[in-house]
N, C-alpha and C. Protein backbone atom coordinates (compact mmCIF):
# COMPACT_ATOMS: atom_id res chain seq x y z
N MET A 1 95.66 45.89 30.81
CA MET A 1 94.51 46.71 30.70
C MET A 1 93.54 46.18 30.30
N ASP A 2 92.26 46.49 30.65
CA ASP A 2 91.01 46.05 30.25
C ASP A 2 90.82 46.18 29.08
N GLN A 3 90.49 45.52 28.20
CA GLN A 3 90.35 45.49 26.86
C GLN A 3 88.72 46.39 26.59
N HIS A 4 88.23 46.15 27.69
CA HIS A 4 86.53 46.92 27.25
C HIS A 4 86.63 48.09 28.04
N VAL A 5 87.39 48.87 28.19
CA VAL A 5 87.36 50.26 28.81
C VAL A 5 87.02 51.16 27.74
N GLY A 6 86.35 52.07 28.06
CA GLY A 6 85.67 52.90 26.67
C GLY A 6 84.45 52.38 25.75
N ILE A 7 84.14 51.03 26.23
CA ILE A 7 83.08 50.22 25.58
C ILE A 7 81.61 50.51 26.79
N LEU A 8 82.37 50.07 27.94
CA LEU A 8 81.23 49.87 29.09
C LEU A 8 81.41 51.25 30.04
N PRO A 9 80.15 51.43 30.64
CA PRO A 9 80.34 52.47 31.48
C PRO A 9 81.18 52.01 32.63
N ALA A 10 81.68 53.13 33.43
CA ALA A 10 82.99 52.61 34.56
C ALA A 10 82.19 52.09 35.59
N ASP A 11 81.14 52.13 36.01
CA ASP A 11 80.21 50.99 37.14
C ASP A 11 79.62 50.20 36.48
N ALA A 12 79.80 49.36 35.30
CA ALA A 12 79.06 48.69 34.51
C ALA A 12 79.27 47.21 35.40
N GLY A 13 80.38 46.91 36.10
CA GLY A 13 80.48 45.85 36.68
C GLY A 13 80.04 45.76 38.24
N THR A 14 79.27 46.76 38.70
CA THR A 14 79.26 47.10 40.23
C THR A 14 78.04 46.83 40.65
N SER A 15 76.63 47.36 39.80
CA SER A 15 75.57 46.87 40.38
C SER A 15 74.51 47.32 39.23
N ASN A 16 73.48 46.19 38.92
CA ASN A 16 72.47 46.92 37.95
C ASN A 16 71.40 47.42 38.53
N THR A 17 71.21 47.22 39.88
CA THR A 17 70.24 47.80 40.82
C THR A 17 69.97 49.13 40.42
N GLY A 18 68.90 49.89 40.04
CA GLY A 18 68.72 51.21 39.51
C GLY A 18 69.34 51.67 38.75
N ARG A 19 70.13 50.77 37.96
CA ARG A 19 70.59 51.22 36.54
C ARG A 19 70.06 51.47 35.42
N LEU A 20 68.96 50.32 35.33
CA LEU A 20 68.10 49.82 34.10
C LEU A 20 67.59 51.35 33.62
N GLY A 21 67.05 51.89 34.54
CA GLY A 21 66.18 53.59 33.85
C GLY A 21 67.66 54.35 33.45
N THR A 22 68.36 54.19 34.27
CA THR A 22 69.50 55.38 33.89
C THR A 22 70.10 55.09 32.38
N HIS A 23 70.19 53.29 32.15
CA HIS A 23 70.70 52.99 30.66
C HIS A 23 69.92 53.24 30.01
N LEU A 24 68.77 52.74 29.70
CA LEU A 24 67.67 52.81 28.95
C LEU A 24 67.50 54.17 28.39
N GLY A 25 68.02 55.43 29.47
CA GLY A 25 67.94 56.78 29.02
C GLY A 25 69.15 57.22 28.47
N ALA A 26 70.18 56.55 28.24
CA ALA A 26 71.36 56.85 28.28
C ALA A 26 71.48 57.47 26.48
N ALA A 27 72.71 58.22 26.19
CA ALA A 27 72.71 58.74 24.72
C ALA A 27 73.18 57.09 23.98
N GLY A 28 72.78 57.31 22.72
CA GLY A 28 73.13 56.45 21.72
C GLY A 28 72.04 56.02 21.11
N ALA A 29 71.71 54.50 21.41
CA ALA A 29 70.30 53.99 20.50
C ALA A 29 69.26 54.57 21.65
N ASP A 30 67.97 54.79 20.67
CA ASP A 30 66.97 55.20 21.33
C ASP A 30 66.07 53.75 22.02
N ARG A 31 65.40 54.48 22.90
CA ARG A 31 64.55 53.57 23.83
C ARG A 31 64.09 52.12 23.05
N ARG A 32 63.39 52.62 22.18
CA ARG A 32 62.48 51.54 20.93
C ARG A 32 63.84 50.66 20.69
N THR A 33 65.12 51.10 20.09
CA THR A 33 66.21 50.31 19.64
C THR A 33 66.42 49.36 20.74
N ARG A 34 66.80 49.85 21.93
CA ARG A 34 67.09 49.13 23.15
C ARG A 34 66.35 48.42 23.44
N SER A 35 64.91 48.15 23.47
CA SER A 35 64.00 47.31 24.10
C SER A 35 64.28 46.09 22.87
N LEU A 36 64.14 46.58 21.74
CA LEU A 36 63.95 45.29 20.57
C LEU A 36 65.28 44.37 20.51
N LEU A 37 66.63 45.05 21.19
CA LEU A 37 68.01 44.44 21.39
C LEU A 37 67.77 43.60 22.65
N ASN A 38 66.86 43.83 23.71
CA ASN A 38 66.81 43.44 24.76
C ASN A 38 65.65 41.94 24.74
N VAL A 39 64.72 42.39 23.75
CA VAL A 39 63.82 41.06 23.52
C VAL A 39 64.58 40.02 22.59
N ALA A 40 65.68 40.59 21.47
CA ALA A 40 66.45 39.58 21.19
C ALA A 40 66.90 38.63 21.61
N MET A 41 68.16 39.42 22.84
CA MET A 41 68.81 38.81 23.77
C MET A 41 67.90 37.81 24.76
N LEU A 42 67.14 38.24 25.26
CA LEU A 42 66.45 37.41 26.16
C LEU A 42 65.67 36.06 25.26
N VAL A 43 65.41 36.24 24.33
CA VAL A 43 64.79 34.90 23.40
C VAL A 43 66.13 34.03 23.68
N ALA A 44 67.45 34.75 22.78
CA ALA A 44 68.59 33.73 22.91
C ALA A 44 68.94 33.12 24.16
N LEU A 45 68.77 33.93 25.35
CA LEU A 45 69.06 33.27 26.60
C LEU A 45 68.06 32.38 27.18
N GLY A 46 66.82 32.90 26.67
CA GLY A 46 65.62 31.73 27.11
C GLY A 46 65.15 32.23 28.46
N LYS A 47 65.28 33.25 28.71
CA LYS A 47 64.52 34.08 29.76
C LYS A 47 63.42 34.61 29.61
N ASP A 48 62.08 33.47 29.69
CA ASP A 48 60.88 33.86 29.09
C ASP A 48 60.19 34.76 29.82
N THR A 49 60.33 34.79 31.59
CA THR A 49 59.59 35.36 32.43
C THR A 49 59.83 37.14 32.02
N GLU A 50 61.29 37.12 31.71
CA GLU A 50 61.85 38.68 31.39
C GLU A 50 61.49 38.84 30.10
N LEU A 51 61.44 38.11 29.11
CA LEU A 51 60.97 38.34 27.93
C LEU A 51 59.76 38.88 27.57
N ALA A 52 58.54 38.23 28.51
CA ALA A 52 57.36 38.94 28.58
C ALA A 52 57.24 40.43 28.86
N VAL A 53 58.19 40.79 30.31
CA VAL A 53 58.10 41.95 30.44
C VAL A 53 58.59 42.78 29.41
N HIS A 54 59.49 42.35 28.77
CA HIS A 54 60.43 43.40 27.85
C HIS A 54 59.70 43.34 26.50
N VAL A 55 59.01 42.33 26.22
CA VAL A 55 57.85 42.61 24.97
C VAL A 55 56.55 43.91 25.48
N LYS A 56 56.30 43.62 26.28
CA LYS A 56 55.61 45.04 26.80
C LYS A 56 55.99 46.03 26.87
N GLY A 57 57.29 46.18 27.46
CA GLY A 57 58.05 47.59 27.01
C GLY A 57 58.34 48.14 26.04
N ALA A 58 58.57 46.97 25.04
CA ALA A 58 58.90 47.42 23.85
C ALA A 58 57.84 48.24 23.00
N ILE A 59 56.54 47.50 23.17
CA ILE A 59 55.61 48.22 22.84
C ILE A 59 55.41 49.63 23.45
N LYS A 60 55.41 49.66 24.52
CA LYS A 60 55.12 51.10 25.41
C LYS A 60 56.53 51.90 24.65
N ASN A 61 57.36 51.25 24.41
CA ASN A 61 58.75 52.45 23.77
C ASN A 61 58.63 52.48 22.33
N GLY A 62 57.56 52.14 22.00
CA GLY A 62 57.19 52.66 20.69
C GLY A 62 57.64 51.47 19.39
N ALA A 63 57.91 50.10 19.95
CA ALA A 63 58.17 49.27 18.67
C ALA A 63 56.74 48.62 18.18
N THR A 64 56.78 48.02 17.18
CA THR A 64 55.72 47.45 16.60
C THR A 64 55.71 46.03 16.67
N GLU A 65 54.45 45.50 16.72
CA GLU A 65 54.25 43.90 16.52
C GLU A 65 55.35 43.11 15.58
N ALA A 66 55.32 43.92 14.36
CA ALA A 66 56.36 43.36 13.59
C ALA A 66 57.49 43.50 13.83
N GLU A 67 57.94 44.60 14.15
CA GLU A 67 59.60 44.52 14.98
C GLU A 67 60.07 43.95 15.92
N ILE A 68 59.17 43.35 16.87
CA ILE A 68 59.28 42.30 17.91
C ILE A 68 59.37 40.94 17.13
N GLN A 69 58.55 40.82 16.07
CA GLN A 69 58.67 39.51 15.55
C GLN A 69 59.92 39.33 14.80
N GLU A 70 60.16 40.44 14.26
CA GLU A 70 62.00 40.35 13.51
C GLU A 70 62.92 40.13 14.33
N ALA A 71 62.96 40.83 15.66
CA ALA A 71 63.88 40.76 16.51
C ALA A 71 63.76 38.68 16.94
N ILE A 72 62.62 38.51 17.14
CA ILE A 72 62.74 37.16 17.83
C ILE A 72 63.26 36.34 16.41
N LEU A 73 62.93 36.65 15.35
CA LEU A 73 63.30 35.86 14.16
C LEU A 73 64.99 35.91 14.15
N GLN A 74 65.36 36.89 14.08
CA GLN A 74 66.81 37.33 14.13
C GLN A 74 67.46 36.69 15.17
N ALA A 75 66.88 36.70 16.36
CA ALA A 75 67.50 35.90 17.40
C ALA A 75 67.50 34.25 17.40
N SER A 76 66.46 33.65 16.50
CA SER A 76 66.49 32.28 16.39
C SER A 76 67.47 32.25 15.08
N ILE A 77 67.85 32.78 14.42
CA ILE A 77 68.89 32.71 13.20
C ILE A 77 70.13 32.03 14.00
N TYR A 78 70.27 32.82 15.33
CA TYR A 78 71.83 32.69 15.86
C TYR A 78 71.47 31.85 17.27
N ALA A 79 70.54 31.83 17.85
CA ALA A 79 70.07 30.97 19.19
C ALA A 79 69.61 30.00 19.01
N GLY A 80 69.13 29.17 18.08
CA GLY A 80 68.35 28.36 17.53
C GLY A 80 66.58 28.24 17.46
N LEU A 81 66.31 27.55 16.43
CA LEU A 81 64.71 27.49 16.21
C LEU A 81 64.02 27.19 17.45
N PRO A 82 64.56 26.27 18.44
CA PRO A 82 63.59 26.11 19.60
C PRO A 82 63.75 27.33 20.48
N ALA A 83 64.41 28.28 20.58
CA ALA A 83 64.65 29.59 21.40
C ALA A 83 63.91 30.59 20.76
N GLY A 84 63.87 30.86 19.55
CA GLY A 84 62.61 31.17 18.50
C GLY A 84 61.17 31.06 19.05
N LEU A 85 61.16 29.63 18.68
CA LEU A 85 59.67 29.35 18.87
C LEU A 85 59.11 29.43 20.25
N ALA A 86 59.92 29.35 21.26
CA ALA A 86 59.78 29.61 22.81
C ALA A 86 59.46 31.05 22.75
N GLY A 87 60.34 32.14 22.24
CA GLY A 87 60.42 33.45 22.51
C GLY A 87 58.73 33.81 21.69
N THR A 88 58.69 33.32 20.71
CA THR A 88 57.25 33.54 19.87
C THR A 88 56.14 33.36 21.03
N ARG A 89 56.01 32.09 21.28
CA ARG A 89 54.89 31.90 22.25
C ARG A 89 54.76 32.92 23.13
N VAL A 90 55.85 33.18 23.97
CA VAL A 90 56.00 34.20 25.22
C VAL A 90 55.60 35.72 24.40
N ALA A 91 56.06 35.99 23.70
CA ALA A 91 55.72 37.14 23.13
C ALA A 91 54.00 37.32 22.59
N ASP A 92 53.51 36.20 21.77
CA ASP A 92 52.22 36.10 21.44
C ASP A 92 51.31 36.22 22.92
N LYS A 93 51.56 35.80 23.77
CA LYS A 93 50.71 35.60 24.92
C LYS A 93 51.00 37.14 25.76
N ALA A 94 52.15 37.64 25.79
CA ALA A 94 52.46 39.06 26.42
C ALA A 94 51.56 40.19 25.78
N LEU A 95 51.52 39.84 23.99
CA LEU A 95 50.96 41.20 23.21
C LEU A 95 49.27 40.81 23.75
N LYS A 96 49.09 39.55 23.48
CA LYS A 96 47.60 39.27 24.06
C LYS A 96 47.21 39.86 25.29
N GLU A 97 47.98 39.91 26.29
CA GLU A 97 47.99 40.15 27.42
C GLU A 97 47.62 41.94 27.35
N LEU A 98 48.23 42.59 26.45
CA LEU A 98 48.64 44.07 26.45
C LEU A 98 47.15 44.41 26.08
N LYS A 99 46.92 43.75 24.61
CA LYS A 99 45.36 43.85 23.90
C LYS A 99 44.12 43.93 25.06
N ASP A 100 44.25 42.70 25.78
CA ASP A 100 43.10 42.54 26.49
C ASP A 100 43.08 43.56 27.70
N GLU A 101 44.26 44.06 28.13
CA GLU A 101 44.47 45.06 29.23
C GLU A 101 43.93 46.23 28.59
N LYS A 102 44.09 46.68 27.46
CA LYS A 102 43.79 47.65 26.59
C LYS A 102 42.18 47.90 26.51
N GLU A 103 41.48 46.53 26.27
CA GLU A 103 40.18 46.61 26.43
C GLU A 103 39.20 46.78 27.49
N ARG A 104 39.89 46.09 28.58
CA ARG A 104 39.63 46.44 29.88
C ARG A 104 39.35 48.09 30.17
N HIS A 105 40.56 48.50 29.93
CA HIS A 105 40.23 50.08 30.00
C HIS A 105 39.33 50.84 29.37
N LYS A 106 39.34 50.30 27.89
CA LYS A 106 38.19 51.22 27.48
C LYS A 106 36.55 51.03 27.62
N CYS A 107 36.68 49.74 28.33
CA CYS A 107 35.21 49.34 29.03
C CYS A 107 34.99 50.05 30.37
N SER A 108 36.11 50.34 30.80
CA SER A 108 35.95 51.04 32.18
C SER A 108 35.56 52.13 32.24
């Protein structure tokens, strides 16, 4: 018997296409918390392109810059300082892009 039965959704192994929105809306942790978990995991995995997208998403889901920094710090402890430093650079750039975008909309 599969040891993960009851932990993962029944269709977890089939396809992620279209599941992201469904999963983020599932009962359990709220969107902010899920976003912060995603940030930490993407730092640990070194997935910089995806990290930038999820940093912006975390802000839109209610996370603060300080919470994102904390998630990256926690990931660094387990994944290593180089991963954390790379994640910090990506997050800083993504946050700057969000601020610049907000400024452009104010001026429009």
